């Protein structure tokens, strides 16, 4: 199967990995080349195997699926990431997509749909669970503050905003900026207030529209 689509499974539940592997290996043209049970191990295996597709859980020991996605896409740009998870709230969906995930599926997906998603991902085509797609469209269509941040945000608040746009959690931002998580929460609150936004998801979408990137 020299032309088979190669897949890496990353999930901390052995039963899930076993079930997904058993199904995928019944499909023509798809081969599971490795498994990992943590985010760090998934990144290491992706670097070693450079699979066509990584099926990745969102909640993992160590680094989470968002950070694992970001690292995998950096070390192996040809590899496409499919998030296969139970979480579909805004706090997880948009950061994962921003980090480079091509597709976002929930674990109630049917076997045939999963197989199709893997084949589509190998072609660079995205698949979003209907609930996830609706959330993404709703977030992108929300009216956002039209004014540029300019003098309204401090330099530190701009740094925090750019990291929010990059999908970073408060804990990750605190570590990056060498401040406490409480300080980060305060900055986030100030940003939302100054930009008249409801939550960090709107802040991320606002930053993407304004062209903000991680500094």
C-alpha atoms as a PDB file:
ATOM      1  CA  UNK A   1       0.000   0.000   0.000  1.00  0.00           C
ATOM      2  CA  UNK A   2       2.637   2.469  -1.091  1.00  0.00           C
ATOM      3  CA  UNK A   3      -0.010   5.059  -1.910  1.00  0.00           C
ATOM      4  CA  UNK A   4      -2.036   4.471   1.237  1.00  0.00           C
ATOM      5  CA  UNK A   5      -3.043   7.445   3.355  1.00  0.00           C
ATOM      6  CA  UNK A   6      -0.929   7.219   6.497  1.00  0.00           C
ATOM      7  CA  UNK A   7      -2.638   8.015   9.798  1.00  0.00           C
ATOM      8  CA  UNK A   8      -1.328   8.654  13.310  1.00  0.00           C
ATOM      9  CA  UNK A   9      -3.751   8.226  16.239  1.00  0.00           C
ATOM     10  CA  UNK A  10      -3.297  10.407  19.333  1.00  0.00           C
ATOM     11  CA  UNK A  11      -5.668   9.721  22.228  1.00  0.00           C
ATOM     12  CA  UNK A  12      -5.019   8.935  25.885  1.00  0.00           C
ATOM     13  CA  UNK A  13      -7.673   6.206  25.898  1.00  0.00           C
ATOM     14  CA  UNK A  14      -6.337   2.907  24.574  1.00  0.00           C
ATOM     15  CA  UNK A  15      -9.859   1.651  23.902  1.00  0.00           C
ATOM     16  CA  UNK A  16     -10.582   4.615  21.625  1.00  0.00           C
ATOM     17  CA  UNK A  17      -7.322   4.142  19.738  1.00  0.00           C
ATOM     18  CA  UNK A  18      -7.988   0.422  19.367  1.00  0.00           C
ATOM     19  CA  UNK A  19     -11.506   0.980  18.048  1.00  0.00           C
ATOM     20  CA  UNK A  20     -10.548   3.699  15.582  1.00  0.00           C
ATOM     21  CA  UNK A  21      -7.559   1.704  14.387  1.00  0.00           C
ATOM     22  CA  UNK A  22      -9.626  -1.442  13.889  1.00  0.00           C
ATOM     23  CA  UNK A  23     -12.111   0.482  11.771  1.00  0.00           C
ATOM     24  CA  UNK A  24      -9.590   2.421   9.677  1.00  0.00           C
ATOM     25  CA  UNK A  25      -7.656  -0.736   8.888  1.00  0.00           C
ATOM     26  CA  UNK A  26     -10.774  -2.196   7.237  1.00  0.00           C
ATOM     27  CA  UNK A  27     -10.714   0.630   4.684  1.00  0.00           C
ATOM     28  CA  UNK A  28      -8.840   0.370   1.419  1.00  0.00           C
ATOM     29  CA  UNK A  29      -6.050   2.884   0.964  1.00  0.00           C
ATOM     30  CA  UNK A  30      -5.737   3.916   4.621  1.00  0.00           C
ATOM     31  CA  UNK A  31      -3.041   2.656   6.965  1.00  0.00           C
ATOM     32  CA  UNK A  32      -2.457   3.451  10.645  1.00  0.00           C
ATOM     33  CA  UNK A  33       1.292   3.934  11.061  1.00  0.00           C
ATOM     34  CA  UNK A  34       1.447   4.805  14.753  1.00  0.00           C
ATOM     35  CA  UNK A  35      -0.273   5.640  18.023  1.00  0.00           C
ATOM     36  CA  UNK A  36       0.428   8.036  20.877  1.00  0.00           C
ATOM     37  CA  UNK A  37      -1.235   8.601  24.244  1.00  0.00           C
ATOM     38  CA  UNK A  38      -0.084  12.148  25.032  1.00  0.00           C
ATOM     39  CA  UNK A  39       0.374  15.419  23.223  1.00  0.00           C
ATOM     40  CA  UNK A  40       4.156  15.312  23.510  1.00  0.00           C
ATOM     41  CA  UNK A  41       4.311  11.755  22.229  1.00  0.00           C
ATOM     42  CA  UNK A  42       2.009  12.678  19.373  1.00  0.00           C
ATOM     43  CA  UNK A  43       4.334  15.500  18.318  1.00  0.00           C
ATOM     44  CA  UNK A  44       7.342  13.180  18.516  1.00  0.00           C
ATOM     45  CA  UNK A  45       5.611  10.506  16.440  1.00  0.00           C
ATOM     46  CA  UNK A  46       4.479  13.077  13.878  1.00  0.00           C
ATOM     47  CA  UNK A  47       8.059  14.292  13.501  1.00  0.00           C
ATOM     48  CA  UNK A  48       9.306  10.726  13.066  1.00  0.00           C
ATOM     49  CA  UNK A  49       6.553   9.382  10.799  1.00  0.00           C
ATOM     50  CA  UNK A  50       5.347  12.531   8.962  1.00  0.00           C
ATOM     51  CA  UNK A  51       1.896  10.961   8.433  1.00  0.00           C
ATOM     52  CA  UNK A  52      -0.615  12.317   5.970  1.00  0.00           C
ATOM     53  CA  UNK A  53      -3.228  12.711   8.702  1.00  0.00           C
ATOM     54  CA  UNK A  54      -3.205  12.882  12.509  1.00  0.00           C
ATOM     55  CA  UNK A  55      -6.411  12.026  14.372  1.00  0.00           C
ATOM     56  CA  UNK A  56      -5.972  13.964  17.588  1.00  0.00           C
ATOM     57  CA  UNK A  57      -7.967  14.234  20.800  1.00  0.00           C
ATOM     58  CA  UNK A  58      -8.290  17.688  22.327  1.00  0.00           C
ATOM     59  CA  UNK A  59      -7.823  16.849  26.011  1.00  0.00           C
ATOM     60  CA  UNK A  60      -4.528  15.027  26.526  1.00  0.00           C
ATOM     61  CA  UNK A  61      -1.951  14.550  29.273  1.00  0.00           C
ATOM     62  CA  UNK A  62       0.760  17.188  29.102  1.00  0.00           C
ATOM     63  CA  UNK A  63       0.251  19.623  26.248  1.00  0.00           C
ATOM     64  CA  UNK A  64      -3.319  19.748  24.981  1.00  0.00           C
ATOM     65  CA  UNK A  65      -4.586  19.146  21.479  1.00  0.00           C
ATOM     66  CA  UNK A  66      -4.378  22.809  20.507  1.00  0.00           C
ATOM     67  CA  UNK A  67      -0.677  23.070  21.342  1.00  0.00           C
ATOM     68  CA  UNK A  68       0.012  19.631  19.855  1.00  0.00           C
ATOM     69  CA  UNK A  69      -1.688  20.740  16.645  1.00  0.00           C
ATOM     70  CA  UNK A  70       0.424  23.872  16.501  1.00  0.00           C
ATOM     71  CA  UNK A  71       3.652  21.911  16.975  1.00  0.00           C
ATOM     72  CA  UNK A  72       2.718  19.170  14.513  1.00  0.00           C
ATOM     73  CA  UNK A  73       1.875  21.693  11.820  1.00  0.00           C
ATOM     74  CA  UNK A  74       5.214  23.405  12.438  1.00  0.00           C
ATOM     75  CA  UNK A  75       7.402  20.306  12.259  1.00  0.00           C
ATOM     76  CA  UNK A  76       5.428  18.555   9.499  1.00  0.00           C
ATOM     77  CA  UNK A  77       3.479  21.093   7.403  1.00  0.00           C
ATOM     78  CA  UNK A  78       2.318  18.381   4.995  1.00  0.00           C
ATOM     79  CA  UNK A  79       0.506  16.612   7.834  1.00  0.00           C
ATOM     80  CA  UNK A  80      -3.168  17.484   8.225  1.00  0.00           C
ATOM     81  CA  UNK A  81      -4.735  17.408  11.696  1.00  0.00           C
ATOM     82  CA  UNK A  82      -8.249  16.196  12.422  1.00  0.00           C
ATOM     83  CA  UNK A  83      -9.499  16.957  15.931  1.00  0.00           C
ATOM     84  CA  UNK A  84     -11.607  14.030  17.123  1.00  0.00           C
ATOM     85  CA  UNK A  85     -13.018  15.047  20.468  1.00  0.00           C
ATOM     86  CA  UNK A  86     -16.070  15.367  22.698  1.00  0.00           C
ATOM     87  CA  UNK A  87     -15.760  19.146  23.131  1.00  0.00           C
ATOM     88  CA  UNK A  88     -17.464  21.605  20.805  1.00  0.00           C
ATOM     89  CA  UNK A  89     -17.639  24.856  22.776  1.00  0.00           C
ATOM     90  CA  UNK A  90     -16.173  28.101  21.447  1.00  0.00           C
ATOM     91  CA  UNK A  91     -13.283  27.985  23.899  1.00  0.00           C
ATOM     92  CA  UNK A  92     -11.994  24.834  22.197  1.00  0.00           C
ATOM     93  CA  UNK A  93     -13.148  25.057  18.578  1.00  0.00           C
ATOM     94  CA  UNK A  94     -11.680  28.349  17.395  1.00  0.00           C
ATOM     95  CA  UNK A  95      -8.275  28.008  19.113  1.00  0.00           C
ATOM     96  CA  UNK A  96      -7.907  24.541  17.562  1.00  0.00           C
ATOM     97  CA  UNK A  97      -8.694  25.821  14.081  1.00  0.00           C
ATOM     98  CA  UNK A  98      -6.453  28.831  14.619  1.00  0.00           C
ATOM     99  CA  UNK A  99      -3.642  26.466  15.640  1.00  0.00           C
ATOM    100  CA  UNK A 100      -3.873  24.719  12.282  1.00  0.00           C
ATOM    101  CA  UNK A 101      -6.416  21.909  12.618  1.00  0.00           C
ATOM    102  CA  UNK A 102      -7.999  21.255   9.228  1.00  0.00           C
ATOM    103  CA  UNK A 103     -11.044  19.351  10.455  1.00  0.00           C
ATOM    104  CA  UNK A 104     -13.015  19.164  13.690  1.00  0.00           C
ATOM    105  CA  UNK A 105     -15.151  16.115  14.424  1.00  0.00           C
ATOM    106  CA  UNK A 106     -17.025  14.981  17.496  1.00  0.00           C
ATOM    107  CA  UNK A 107     -16.647  11.451  18.807  1.00  0.00           C
ATOM    108  CA  UNK A 108     -20.236  10.645  17.932  1.00  0.00           C
ATOM    109  CA  UNK A 109     -19.254  10.773  14.250  1.00  0.00           C
ATOM    110  CA  UNK A 110     -20.262   7.724  12.231  1.00  0.00           C
ATOM    111  CA  UNK A 111     -17.602   5.325  10.941  1.00  0.00           C
ATOM    112  CA  UNK A 112     -18.274   6.149   7.296  1.00  0.00           C
ATOM    113  CA  UNK A 113     -18.077   9.876   8.022  1.00  0.00           C
ATOM    114  CA  UNK A 114     -14.753   9.378   9.783  1.00  0.00           C
ATOM    115  CA  UNK A 115     -13.339   7.482   6.840  1.00  0.00           C
ATOM    116  CA  UNK A 116     -14.510  10.195   4.451  1.00  0.00           C
ATOM    117  CA  UNK A 117     -12.992  12.891   6.664  1.00  0.00           C
ATOM    118  CA  UNK A 118      -9.611  11.133   6.608  1.00  0.00           C
ATOM    119  CA  UNK A 119      -9.694  10.867   2.819  1.00  0.00           C
ATOM    120  CA  UNK A 120     -10.750  14.496   2.503  1.00  0.00           C
ATOM    121  CA  UNK A 121      -8.024  15.644   4.901  1.00  0.00           C
ATOM    122  CA  UNK A 122      -5.402  13.821   2.828  1.00  0.00           C
ATOM    123  CA  UNK A 123      -6.567  15.984  -0.098  1.00  0.00           C
ATOM    124  CA  UNK A 124      -6.423  19.122   2.019  1.00  0.00           C
ATOM    125  CA  UNK A 125     -10.200  19.401   2.312  1.00  0.00           C
ATOM    126  CA  UNK A 126     -11.783  20.316   5.638  1.00  0.00           C
ATOM    127  CA  UNK A 127     -14.622  18.544   7.426  1.00  0.00           C
ATOM    128  CA  UNK A 128     -16.469  20.216  10.288  1.00  0.00           C
ATOM    129  CA  UNK A 129     -19.146  18.651  12.439  1.00  0.00           C
ATOM    130  CA  UNK A 130     -22.399  20.571  11.776  1.00  0.00           C
ATOM    131  CA  UNK A 131     -22.511  21.932  15.328  1.00  0.00           C
ATOM    132  CA  UNK A 132     -18.908  23.096  15.032  1.00  0.00           C
ATOM    133  CA  UNK A 133     -19.487  24.670  11.625  1.00  0.00           C
ATOM    134  CA  UNK A 134     -22.479  26.563  13.004  1.00  0.00           C
ATOM    135  CA  UNK A 135     -20.385  27.896  15.892  1.00  0.00           C
ATOM    136  CA  UNK A 136     -17.588  29.023  13.604  1.00  0.00           C
ATOM    137  CA  UNK A 137     -19.989  30.841  11.308  1.00  0.00           C
ATOM    138  CA  UNK A 138     -21.795  32.427  14.253  1.00  0.00           C
ATOM    139  CA  UNK A 139     -18.521  33.670  15.738  1.00  0.00           C
ATOM    140  CA  UNK A 140     -17.317  35.095  12.449  1.00  0.00           C
ATOM    141  CA  UNK A 141     -20.625  36.841  11.834  1.00  0.00           C
ATOM    142  CA  UNK A 142     -20.819  38.501  15.245  1.00  0.00           C
ATOM    143  CA  UNK A 143     -20.530  42.291  15.027  1.00  0.00           C
ATOM    144  CA  UNK A 144     -17.219  43.450  16.433  1.00  0.00           C
ATOM    145  CA  UNK A 145     -15.893  46.822  17.495  1.00  0.00           C
ATOM    146  CA  UNK A 146     -14.967  48.799  14.369  1.00  0.00           C
ATOM    147  CA  UNK A 147     -12.276  50.942  15.928  1.00  0.00           C
ATOM    148  CA  UNK A 148      -8.604  49.970  15.895  1.00  0.00           C
ATOM    149  CA  UNK A 149      -6.988  49.349  19.282  1.00  0.00           C
ATOM    150  CA  UNK A 150      -4.198  51.889  18.747  1.00  0.00           C
ATOM    151  CA  UNK A 151      -3.912  54.031  21.879  1.00  0.00           C
ATOM    152  CA  UNK A 152      -6.798  52.239  23.587  1.00  0.00           C
ATOM    153  CA  UNK A 153      -4.754  49.141  24.447  1.00  0.00           C
ATOM    154  CA  UNK A 154      -1.452  49.143  26.288  1.00  0.00           C
ATOM    155  CA  UNK A 155       1.577  47.382  24.820  1.00  0.00           C
ATOM    156  CA  UNK A 156       1.104  44.496  27.240  1.00  0.00           C
ATOM    157  CA  UNK A 157      -2.593  44.235  26.365  1.00  0.00           C
ATOM    158  CA  UNK A 158      -1.626  44.080  22.683  1.00  0.00           C
ATOM    159  CA  UNK A 159       0.754  41.227  23.503  1.00  0.00           C
ATOM    160  CA  UNK A 160      -1.995  39.373  25.354  1.00  0.00           C
ATOM    161  CA  UNK A 161      -4.464  39.982  22.517  1.00  0.00           C
ATOM    162  CA  UNK A 162      -2.064  38.589  19.916  1.00  0.00           C
ATOM    163  CA  UNK A 163      -1.537  35.477  22.043  1.00  0.00           C
ATOM    164  CA  UNK A 164      -5.295  35.035  22.456  1.00  0.00           C
ATOM    165  CA  UNK A 165      -5.561  35.208  18.668  1.00  0.00           C
ATOM    166  CA  UNK A 166      -2.932  32.483  18.465  1.00  0.00           C
ATOM    167  CA  UNK A 167      -5.139  30.187  20.534  1.00  0.00           C
ATOM    168  CA  UNK A 168      -3.135  30.390  23.761  1.00  0.00           C
ATOM    169  CA  UNK A 169      -4.772  29.714  27.114  1.00  0.00           C
ATOM    170  CA  UNK A 170      -4.379  32.061  30.077  1.00  0.00           C
ATOM    171  CA  UNK A 171      -1.854  29.665  31.616  1.00  0.00           C
ATOM    172  CA  UNK A 172       0.212  29.590  28.416  1.00  0.00           C
ATOM    173  CA  UNK A 173       0.084  33.383  28.120  1.00  0.00           C
ATOM    174  CA  UNK A 174       1.204  33.737  31.736  1.00  0.00           C
ATOM    175  CA  UNK A 175       4.148  31.428  31.110  1.00  0.00           C
ATOM    176  CA  UNK A 176       5.093  33.235  27.905  1.00  0.00           C
ATOM    177  CA  UNK A 177       4.972  36.700  29.463  1.00  0.00           C
ATOM    178  CA  UNK A 178       6.417  35.685  32.850  1.00  0.00           C
ATOM    179  CA  UNK A 179       3.415  36.954  34.786  1.00  0.00           C
ATOM    180  CA  UNK A 180       0.772  35.302  36.953  1.00  0.00           C
ATOM    181  CA  UNK A 181      -2.389  33.812  35.495  1.00  0.00           C
ATOM    182  CA  UNK A 182      -4.350  36.279  37.616  1.00  0.00           C
ATOM    183  CA  UNK A 183      -2.556  39.147  35.867  1.00  0.00           C
ATOM    184  CA  UNK A 184      -3.410  37.655  32.481  1.00  0.00           C
ATOM    185  CA  UNK A 185      -7.088  37.394  33.465  1.00  0.00           C
ATOM    186  CA  UNK A 186      -6.994  41.066  34.400  1.00  0.00           C
ATOM    187  CA  UNK A 187      -5.492  41.987  31.029  1.00  0.00           C
ATOM    188  CA  UNK A 188      -8.107  39.904  29.208  1.00  0.00           C
ATOM    189  CA  UNK A 189     -10.878  41.636  31.142  1.00  0.00           C
ATOM    190  CA  UNK A 190      -9.423  45.049  30.240  1.00  0.00           C
ATOM    191  CA  UNK A 191      -9.147  44.087  26.571  1.00  0.00           C
ATOM    192  CA  UNK A 192     -12.754  42.940  26.416  1.00  0.00           C
ATOM    193  CA  UNK A 193     -13.925  46.085  28.129  1.00  0.00           C
ATOM    194  CA  UNK A 194     -11.950  48.458  25.912  1.00  0.00           C
ATOM    195  CA  UNK A 195     -12.998  46.723  22.697  1.00  0.00           C
ATOM    196  CA  UNK A 196     -16.606  46.256  23.860  1.00  0.00           C
ATOM    197  CA  UNK A 197     -16.485  42.495  23.293  1.00  0.00           C
ATOM    198  CA  UNK A 198     -18.307  39.755  25.184  1.00  0.00           C
ATOM    199  CA  UNK A 199     -15.630  37.068  25.480  1.00  0.00           C
ATOM    200  CA  UNK A 200     -12.153  35.940  24.395  1.00  0.00           C
ATOM    201  CA  UNK A 201     -13.600  34.174  21.345  1.00  0.00           C
ATOM    202  CA  UNK A 202     -14.844  37.514  20.015  1.00  0.00           C
ATOM    203  CA  UNK A 203     -11.458  39.001  20.913  1.00  0.00           C
ATOM    204  CA  UNK A 204      -9.688  36.312  18.879  1.00  0.00           C
ATOM    205  CA  UNK A 205     -11.974  36.837  15.880  1.00  0.00           C
ATOM    206  CA  UNK A 206     -11.492  40.611  16.169  1.00  0.00           C
ATOM    207  CA  UNK A 207      -7.721  40.179  16.222  1.00  0.00           C
ATOM    208  CA  UNK A 208      -7.753  37.850  13.211  1.00  0.00           C
ATOM    209  CA  UNK A 209      -9.819  40.351  11.233  1.00  0.00           C
ATOM    210  CA  UNK A 210      -7.442  43.153  12.156  1.00  0.00           C
ATOM    211  CA  UNK A 211      -4.432  41.070  11.098  1.00  0.00           C
ATOM    212  CA  UNK A 212      -2.963  40.489  14.545  1.00  0.00           C
ATOM    213  CA  UNK A 213      -0.411  37.701  14.812  1.00  0.00           C
ATOM    214  CA  UNK A 214       1.677  36.378  17.655  1.00  0.00           C
ATOM    215  CA  UNK A 215       4.505  38.766  18.408  1.00  0.00           C
END
